Amino acid sequence: MFMGEYSHTIDAKGRLIIPARFREELGDRFVVSKGFDGCLQANDLGTWEKIQEKLKELPQFNKNTREIKRFFNGGAVIAEVDKQGRILIPAELREHAGLKKNVSLIGTGSNVEIWDSERWNESAPDNIDEIAESLSGLGFSL
């Protein structure tokens, strides 16, 4: 399970250190793709395969199916961790997430989100109690 928040910097070449705790779960090779809300997401290869299987089950003649497949798969890359614990994030993905220098890596349980730190700080909801209450209607409780 991925949890925690880590701050790192991305260098001019697009290399980002992945925290050791996340590397333990992700492995030496994993998928980085566009994520929701203007971030990137990192998934271990097994989870990525499960996502792909679920996408394959969606009706191919549905426009939303095609759009979500393009969104997730179009810019997805296999990231390989180097000896310094870094991965290279391609320019297209850096642009999607607005990654400049300071980056926040957020464990969400099932994956890791990669955010520009400024965007991450601005995205924090100030109505978390209302959000939690709305999820109770979906059968969620703590």
N, C-alpha and C. Protein backbone atom coordinates (compact mmCIF):
# COMPACT_ATOMS: atom_id res chain seq x y z
N MET A 1 0.84 -1.17 0.00
CA MET A 1 0.00 0.00 0.00
C MET A 1 0.89 1.24 0.00
N PHE A 2 0.52 2.21 -0.81
CA PHE A 2 1.28 3.45 -0.91
C PHE A 2 0.68 4.50 0.01
N MET A 3 1.50 5.02 0.91
CA MET A 3 1.02 6.10 1.77
C MET A 3 2.18 7.02 2.11
N GLY A 4 1.83 8.23 2.44
CA GLY A 4 2.83 9.22 2.78
C GLY A 4 2.94 10.30 1.72
N GLU A 5 3.61 11.37 2.10
CA GLU A 5 3.84 12.51 1.20
C GLU A 5 5.33 12.85 1.26
N TYR A 6 5.94 12.95 0.10
CA TYR A 6 7.37 13.23 0.01
C TYR A 6 7.60 14.39 -0.94
N SER A 7 8.57 15.22 -0.61
CA SER A 7 8.93 16.36 -1.45
C SER A 7 10.32 16.14 -2.04
N HIS A 8 10.42 16.34 -3.35
CA HIS A 8 11.70 16.22 -4.05
C HIS A 8 11.74 17.30 -5.13
N THR A 9 12.87 17.38 -5.80
CA THR A 9 12.96 18.30 -6.93
C THR A 9 13.20 17.48 -8.19
N ILE A 10 12.75 18.04 -9.30
CA ILE A 10 12.98 17.41 -10.59
C ILE A 10 14.08 18.23 -11.27
N ASP A 11 15.06 17.56 -11.86
CA ASP A 11 16.17 18.31 -12.45
C ASP A 11 15.83 18.75 -13.88
N ALA A 12 16.73 19.50 -14.48
CA ALA A 12 16.50 20.08 -15.81
C ALA A 12 16.30 19.01 -16.88
N LYS A 13 16.82 17.81 -16.65
CA LYS A 13 16.66 16.72 -17.61
C LYS A 13 15.38 15.93 -17.39
N GLY A 14 14.61 16.27 -16.35
CA GLY A 14 13.36 15.58 -16.08
C GLY A 14 13.50 14.36 -15.19
N ARG A 15 14.61 14.29 -14.45
CA ARG A 15 14.82 13.15 -13.56
C ARG A 15 14.29 13.46 -12.16
N LEU A 16 13.62 12.49 -11.59
CA LEU A 16 12.98 12.65 -10.29
C LEU A 16 13.34 11.47 -9.40
N ILE A 17 13.75 11.75 -8.17
CA ILE A 17 14.03 10.69 -7.20
C ILE A 17 12.69 10.12 -6.70
N ILE A 18 12.60 8.81 -6.70
CA ILE A 18 11.43 8.13 -6.16
C ILE A 18 11.80 7.65 -4.75
N PRO A 19 11.02 8.03 -3.74
CA PRO A 19 11.35 7.62 -2.37
C PRO A 19 11.49 6.10 -2.25
N ALA A 20 12.43 5.67 -1.41
CA ALA A 20 12.72 4.25 -1.25
C ALA A 20 11.47 3.45 -0.89
N ARG A 21 10.62 3.99 -0.04
CA ARG A 21 9.39 3.26 0.35
C ARG A 21 8.48 3.02 -0.85
N PHE A 22 8.42 3.97 -1.75
CA PHE A 22 7.61 3.78 -2.95
C PHE A 22 8.29 2.81 -3.92
N ARG A 23 9.61 2.90 -4.02
CA ARG A 23 10.34 1.98 -4.92
C ARG A 23 10.16 0.54 -4.49
N GLU A 24 10.07 0.29 -3.18
CA GLU A 24 9.86 -1.08 -2.69
C GLU A 24 8.59 -1.68 -3.27
N GLU A 25 7.54 -0.88 -3.37
CA GLU A 25 6.25 -1.35 -3.88
C GLU A 25 6.16 -1.30 -5.41
N LEU A 26 6.73 -0.24 -6.00
CA LEU A 26 6.64 -0.08 -7.45
C LEU A 26 7.57 -1.02 -8.20
N GLY A 27 8.72 -1.32 -7.62
CA GLY A 27 9.73 -2.12 -8.30
C GLY A 27 10.67 -1.24 -9.09
N ASP A 28 11.57 -1.89 -9.83
CA ASP A 28 12.56 -1.16 -10.63
C ASP A 28 12.00 -0.66 -11.95
N ARG A 29 10.86 -1.21 -12.36
CA ARG A 29 10.16 -0.79 -13.59
C ARG A 29 8.69 -0.65 -13.27
N PHE A 30 8.11 0.47 -13.66
CA PHE A 30 6.70 0.69 -13.40
C PHE A 30 6.16 1.68 -14.43
N VAL A 31 4.87 1.88 -14.44
CA VAL A 31 4.24 2.74 -15.44
C VAL A 31 3.93 4.11 -14.84
N VAL A 32 4.29 5.15 -15.57
CA VAL A 32 3.89 6.52 -15.23
C VAL A 32 2.97 6.99 -16.35
N SER A 33 1.81 7.51 -15.95
CA SER A 33 0.83 7.97 -16.93
C SER A 33 0.18 9.25 -16.44
N LYS A 34 -0.61 9.85 -17.30
CA LYS A 34 -1.41 11.00 -16.88
C LYS A 34 -2.36 10.55 -15.78
N GLY A 35 -2.60 11.45 -14.84
CA GLY A 35 -3.56 11.18 -13.78
C GLY A 35 -4.63 12.25 -13.79
N PHE A 36 -5.61 12.07 -12.96
CA PHE A 36 -6.69 13.04 -12.86
C PHE A 36 -6.24 14.28 -12.08
N ASP A 37 -6.96 15.35 -12.27
CA ASP A 37 -6.77 16.59 -11.51
C ASP A 37 -5.43 17.27 -11.78
N GLY A 38 -4.77 16.94 -12.89
CA GLY A 38 -3.53 17.62 -13.26
C GLY A 38 -2.28 17.06 -12.62
N CYS A 39 -2.29 15.77 -12.32
CA CYS A 39 -1.09 15.13 -11.77
C CYS A 39 -0.72 13.96 -12.67
N LEU A 40 0.35 13.27 -12.30
CA LEU A 40 0.73 12.02 -12.93
C LEU A 40 0.46 10.91 -11.94
N GLN A 41 0.34 9.69 -12.44
CA GLN A 41 0.21 8.56 -11.52
C GLN A 41 1.21 7.49 -11.89
N ALA A 42 1.72 6.83 -10.87
CA ALA A 42 2.65 5.72 -11.05
C ALA A 42 1.99 4.45 -10.51
N ASN A 43 2.01 3.41 -11.34
CA ASN A 43 1.44 2.12 -10.97
C ASN A 43 2.46 1.02 -11.20
N ASP A 44 2.50 0.06 -10.28
CA ASP A 44 3.35 -1.10 -10.52
C ASP A 44 2.79 -1.84 -11.74
N LEU A 45 3.60 -2.68 -12.34
CA LEU A 45 3.20 -3.34 -13.59
C LEU A 45 1.97 -4.22 -13.42
N GLY A 46 1.84 -4.89 -12.28
CA GLY A 46 0.67 -5.73 -12.03
C GLY A 46 -0.62 -4.93 -11.98
N THR A 47 -0.59 -3.80 -11.29
CA THR A 47 -1.77 -2.94 -11.21
C THR A 47 -2.09 -2.35 -12.57
N TRP A 48 -1.06 -1.97 -13.32
CA TRP A 48 -1.29 -1.41 -14.66
C TRP A 48 -1.98 -2.45 -15.55
N GLU A 49 -1.56 -3.69 -15.45
CA GLU A 49 -2.20 -4.75 -16.25
C GLU A 49 -3.67 -4.91 -15.86
N LYS A 50 -3.98 -4.80 -14.58
CA LYS A 50 -5.38 -4.89 -14.13
C LYS A 50 -6.20 -3.72 -14.68
N ILE A 51 -5.61 -2.53 -14.69
CA ILE A 51 -6.29 -1.36 -15.26
C ILE A 51 -6.57 -1.61 -16.74
N GLN A 52 -5.59 -2.15 -17.45
CA GLN A 52 -5.76 -2.42 -18.88
C GLN A 52 -6.86 -3.46 -19.11
N GLU A 53 -6.93 -4.47 -18.27
CA GLU A 53 -7.98 -5.49 -18.41
C GLU A 53 -9.36 -4.85 -18.22
N LYS A 54 -9.49 -3.97 -17.25
CA LYS A 54 -10.77 -3.30 -17.02
C LYS A 54 -11.12 -2.39 -18.20
N LEU A 55 -10.12 -1.72 -18.76
CA LEU A 55 -10.38 -0.87 -19.93
C LEU A 55 -10.81 -1.70 -21.13
N LYS A 56 -10.25 -2.89 -21.27
CA LYS A 56 -10.62 -3.76 -22.39
C LYS A 56 -12.07 -4.22 -22.30
N GLU A 57 -12.61 -4.28 -21.09
CA GLU A 57 -13.99 -4.72 -20.88
C GLU A 57 -15.01 -3.66 -21.28
N LEU A 58 -14.57 -2.42 -21.37
CA LEU A 58 -15.49 -1.34 -21.73
C LEU A 58 -15.86 -1.43 -23.21
N PRO A 59 -17.07 -1.00 -23.57
CA PRO A 59 -17.51 -1.08 -24.97
C PRO A 59 -16.69 -0.17 -25.88
N GLN A 60 -16.05 -0.78 -26.89
CA GLN A 60 -15.16 -0.03 -27.76
C GLN A 60 -15.87 0.98 -28.65
N PHE A 61 -17.18 0.85 -28.84
CA PHE A 61 -17.90 1.79 -29.68
C PHE A 61 -18.39 3.01 -28.91
N ASN A 62 -18.10 3.05 -27.60
CA ASN A 62 -18.48 4.18 -26.77
C ASN A 62 -17.37 5.23 -26.82
N LYS A 63 -17.74 6.46 -27.12
CA LYS A 63 -16.75 7.54 -27.25
C LYS A 63 -15.99 7.77 -25.95
N ASN A 64 -16.67 7.71 -24.80
CA ASN A 64 -16.00 7.92 -23.52
C ASN A 64 -14.95 6.83 -23.27
N THR A 65 -15.23 5.61 -23.70
CA THR A 65 -14.25 4.53 -23.58
C THR A 65 -12.99 4.88 -24.35
N ARG A 66 -13.18 5.31 -25.58
CA ARG A 66 -12.03 5.65 -26.41
C ARG A 66 -11.24 6.81 -25.81
N GLU A 67 -11.95 7.80 -25.28
CA GLU A 67 -11.28 8.96 -24.69
C GLU A 67 -10.47 8.57 -23.46
N ILE A 68 -11.02 7.75 -22.57
CA ILE A 68 -10.29 7.39 -21.35
C ILE A 68 -9.10 6.50 -21.69
N LYS A 69 -9.22 5.64 -22.69
CA LYS A 69 -8.08 4.82 -23.12
C LYS A 69 -6.96 5.70 -23.66
N ARG A 70 -7.33 6.69 -24.45
CA ARG A 70 -6.33 7.62 -25.00
C ARG A 70 -5.65 8.41 -23.88
N PHE A 71 -6.47 8.86 -22.93
CA PHE A 71 -5.94 9.65 -21.82
C PHE A 71 -4.89 8.86 -21.04
N PHE A 72 -5.23 7.65 -20.62
CA PHE A 72 -4.30 6.86 -19.81
C PHE A 72 -3.14 6.29 -20.60
N ASN A 73 -3.39 5.81 -21.79
CA ASN A 73 -2.35 5.09 -22.53
C ASN A 73 -1.52 5.96 -23.45
N GLY A 74 -2.07 7.08 -23.90
CA GLY A 74 -1.38 7.90 -24.89
C GLY A 74 0.01 8.36 -24.47
N GLY A 75 0.14 8.80 -23.25
CA GLY A 75 1.43 9.30 -22.80
C GLY A 75 2.13 8.40 -21.81
N ALA A 76 1.55 7.22 -21.55
CA ALA A 76 2.11 6.32 -20.55
C ALA A 76 3.49 5.82 -20.96
N VAL A 77 4.37 5.68 -19.98
CA VAL A 77 5.72 5.19 -20.22
C VAL A 77 6.10 4.18 -19.14
N ILE A 78 7.01 3.29 -19.52
CA ILE A 78 7.63 2.41 -18.53
C ILE A 78 8.80 3.19 -17.95
N ALA A 79 8.74 3.46 -16.67
CA ALA A 79 9.84 4.17 -15.99
C ALA A 79 10.79 3.13 -15.40
N GLU A 80 12.07 3.38 -15.59
CA GLU A 80 13.09 2.50 -15.03
C GLU A 80 13.93 3.28 -14.03
N VAL A 81 14.04 2.74 -12.84
CA VAL A 81 14.79 3.40 -11.77
C VAL A 81 16.28 3.22 -12.01
N ASP A 82 17.03 4.33 -11.96
CA ASP A 82 18.48 4.24 -12.14
C ASP A 82 19.16 3.97 -10.79
N LYS A 83 20.48 3.92 -10.80
CA LYS A 83 21.24 3.58 -9.59
C LYS A 83 21.08 4.62 -8.48
N GLN A 84 20.68 5.84 -8.83
CA GLN A 84 20.47 6.89 -7.83
C GLN A 84 19.01 6.95 -7.36
N GLY A 85 18.18 6.00 -7.81
CA GLY A 85 16.78 5.97 -7.40
C GLY A 85 15.90 6.95 -8.15
N ARG A 86 16.35 7.36 -9.34
CA ARG A 86 15.62 8.34 -10.14
C ARG A 86 14.94 7.69 -11.33
N ILE A 87 13.90 8.35 -11.80
CA ILE A 87 13.27 8.00 -13.07
C ILE A 87 13.30 9.23 -13.97
N LEU A 88 13.17 9.00 -15.26
CA LEU A 88 13.07 10.09 -16.23
C LEU A 88 11.61 10.26 -16.59
N ILE A 89 11.11 11.46 -16.41
CA ILE A 89 9.73 11.77 -16.79
C ILE A 89 9.78 12.55 -18.10
N PRO A 90 9.19 12.00 -19.17
CA PRO A 90 9.22 12.68 -20.46
C PRO A 90 8.58 14.07 -20.41
N ALA A 91 9.02 14.91 -21.31
CA ALA A 91 8.55 16.30 -21.36
C ALA A 91 7.03 16.40 -21.46
N GLU A 92 6.40 15.53 -22.24
CA GLU A 92 4.94 15.60 -22.42
C GLU A 92 4.22 15.37 -21.09
N LEU A 93 4.72 14.43 -20.29
CA LEU A 93 4.09 14.17 -19.00
C LEU A 93 4.40 15.29 -18.01
N ARG A 94 5.60 15.83 -18.05
CA ARG A 94 5.94 16.97 -17.18
C ARG A 94 5.02 18.14 -17.49
N GLU A 95 4.76 18.35 -18.77
CA GLU A 95 3.88 19.45 -19.18
C GLU A 95 2.46 19.22 -18.69
N HIS A 96 1.95 17.99 -18.84
CA HIS A 96 0.59 17.68 -18.38
C HIS A 96 0.41 18.02 -16.90
N ALA A 97 1.41 17.67 -16.08
CA ALA A 97 1.32 17.87 -14.64
C ALA A 97 1.86 19.23 -14.19
N GLY A 98 2.38 20.02 -15.13
CA GLY A 98 2.93 21.32 -14.78
C GLY A 98 4.13 21.22 -13.86
N LEU A 99 4.90 20.13 -14.00
CA LEU A 99 6.05 19.94 -13.12
C LEU A 99 7.14 20.95 -13.46
N LYS A 100 7.52 21.72 -12.47
CA LYS A 100 8.57 22.72 -12.66
C LYS A 100 9.82 22.26 -11.93
N LYS A 101 9.93 22.56 -10.66
CA LYS A 101 11.12 22.17 -9.90
C LYS A 101 10.73 21.35 -8.67
N ASN A 102 9.87 21.89 -7.84
CA ASN A 102 9.46 21.22 -6.60
C ASN A 102 8.29 20.29 -6.89
N VAL A 103 8.47 19.04 -6.47
CA VAL A 103 7.49 17.99 -6.77
C VAL A 103 7.07 17.31 -5.47
N SER A 104 5.79 16.99 -5.38
CA SER A 104 5.25 16.22 -4.25
C SER A 104 4.81 14.86 -4.75
N LEU A 105 5.25 13.81 -4.07
CA LEU A 105 4.84 12.45 -4.38
C LEU A 105 3.90 12.01 -3.27
N ILE A 106 2.69 11.60 -3.65
CA ILE A 106 1.63 11.33 -2.69
C ILE A 106 1.19 9.87 -2.84
N GLY A 107 1.25 9.13 -1.74
CA GLY A 107 0.74 7.77 -1.75
C GLY A 107 -0.76 7.79 -1.57
N THR A 108 -1.49 7.13 -2.47
CA THR A 108 -2.96 7.14 -2.40
C THR A 108 -3.53 5.77 -2.06
N GLY A 109 -2.70 4.88 -1.57
CA GLY A 109 -3.15 3.53 -1.27
C GLY A 109 -2.83 2.60 -2.42
N SER A 110 -3.47 2.83 -3.56
CA SER A 110 -3.29 1.92 -4.70
C SER A 110 -2.22 2.37 -5.69
N ASN A 111 -1.85 3.66 -5.65
CA ASN A 111 -0.80 4.15 -6.56
C ASN A 111 -0.12 5.36 -5.95
N VAL A 112 0.80 5.94 -6.72
CA VAL A 112 1.50 7.14 -6.30
C VAL A 112 1.13 8.25 -7.28
N GLU A 113 0.75 9.40 -6.73
CA GLU A 113 0.51 10.56 -7.56
C GLU A 113 1.73 11.47 -7.51
N ILE A 114 2.05 12.05 -8.66
CA ILE A 114 3.19 12.95 -8.79
C ILE A 114 2.65 14.33 -9.17
N TRP A 115 2.84 15.28 -8.28
CA TRP A 115 2.28 16.61 -8.42
C TRP A 115 3.37 17.69 -8.44
N ASP A 116 3.15 18.76 -9.17
CA ASP A 116 3.90 19.97 -8.94
C ASP A 116 3.51 20.43 -7.54
N SER A 117 4.47 20.73 -6.69
CA SER A 117 4.17 21.04 -5.29
C SER A 117 3.21 22.21 -5.12
N GLU A 118 3.37 23.24 -5.93
CA GLU A 118 2.47 24.39 -5.83
C GLU A 118 1.04 23.98 -6.18
N ARG A 119 0.89 23.21 -7.25
CA ARG A 119 -0.44 22.73 -7.66
C ARG A 119 -1.04 21.84 -6.57
N TRP A 120 -0.20 20.97 -5.98
CA TRP A 120 -0.67 20.09 -4.91
C TRP A 120 -1.19 20.90 -3.73
N ASN A 121 -0.45 21.91 -3.31
CA ASN A 121 -0.87 22.72 -2.17
C ASN A 121 -2.15 23.48 -2.45
N GLU A 122 -2.33 23.90 -3.69
CA GLU A 122 -3.55 24.63 -4.07
C GLU A 122 -4.76 23.70 -4.19
N SER A 123 -4.52 22.40 -4.42
CA SER A 123 -5.62 21.48 -4.68
C SER A 123 -6.28 20.95 -3.41
N ALA A 124 -5.69 21.20 -2.24
CA ALA A 124 -6.24 20.66 -1.00
C ALA A 124 -7.64 21.21 -0.76
N PRO A 125 -8.63 20.33 -0.62
CA PRO A 125 -10.01 20.80 -0.41
C PRO A 125 -10.17 21.37 1.00
N ASP A 126 -10.97 22.43 1.10
CA ASP A 126 -11.24 22.98 2.42
C ASP A 126 -12.60 22.50 2.94
N ASN A 127 -13.22 21.56 2.21
CA ASN A 127 -14.52 21.03 2.61
C ASN A 127 -14.46 19.50 2.76
N ILE A 128 -13.39 19.00 3.35
CA ILE A 128 -13.19 17.56 3.44
C ILE A 128 -14.31 16.87 4.23
N ASP A 129 -14.90 17.55 5.20
CA ASP A 129 -16.00 16.96 5.96
C ASP A 129 -17.21 16.71 5.05
N GLU A 130 -17.50 17.66 4.17
CA GLU A 130 -18.61 17.49 3.24
C GLU A 130 -18.33 16.37 2.24
N ILE A 131 -17.08 16.29 1.78
CA ILE A 131 -16.70 15.22 0.86
C ILE A 131 -16.88 13.87 1.52
N ALA A 132 -16.41 13.73 2.75
CA ALA A 132 -16.56 12.46 3.48
C ALA A 132 -18.02 12.11 3.65
N GLU A 133 -18.85 13.08 3.97
CA GLU A 133 -20.28 12.83 4.14
C GLU A 133 -20.91 12.37 2.83
N SER A 134 -20.51 12.97 1.73
CA SER A 134 -21.09 12.56 0.44
C SER A 134 -20.71 11.13 0.08
N LEU A 135 -19.52 10.69 0.52
CA LEU A 135 -19.10 9.31 0.23
C LEU A 135 -19.88 8.29 1.05
N SER A 136 -20.45 8.71 2.15
CA SER A 136 -21.23 7.76 2.95
C SER A 136 -22.43 7.26 2.14
N GLY A 137 -22.93 8.06 1.22
CA GLY A 137 -24.02 7.63 0.34
C GLY A 137 -23.59 6.57 -0.64
N LEU A 138 -22.29 6.39 -0.82
CA LEU A 138 -21.76 5.36 -1.70
C LEU A 138 -21.37 4.11 -0.93
N GLY A 139 -21.73 4.09 0.35
CA GLY A 139 -21.41 2.94 1.18
C GLY A 139 -20.07 3.01 1.87
N PHE A 140 -19.42 4.17 1.87
CA PHE A 140 -18.12 4.32 2.49
C PHE A 140 -18.28 4.78 3.93
N SER A 141 -17.58 4.12 4.82
CA SER A 141 -17.54 4.58 6.20
C SER A 141 -16.22 4.12 6.81
N LEU A 142 -15.81 4.81 7.85
CA LEU A 142 -14.58 4.46 8.56
C LEU A 142 -14.89 3.75 9.86
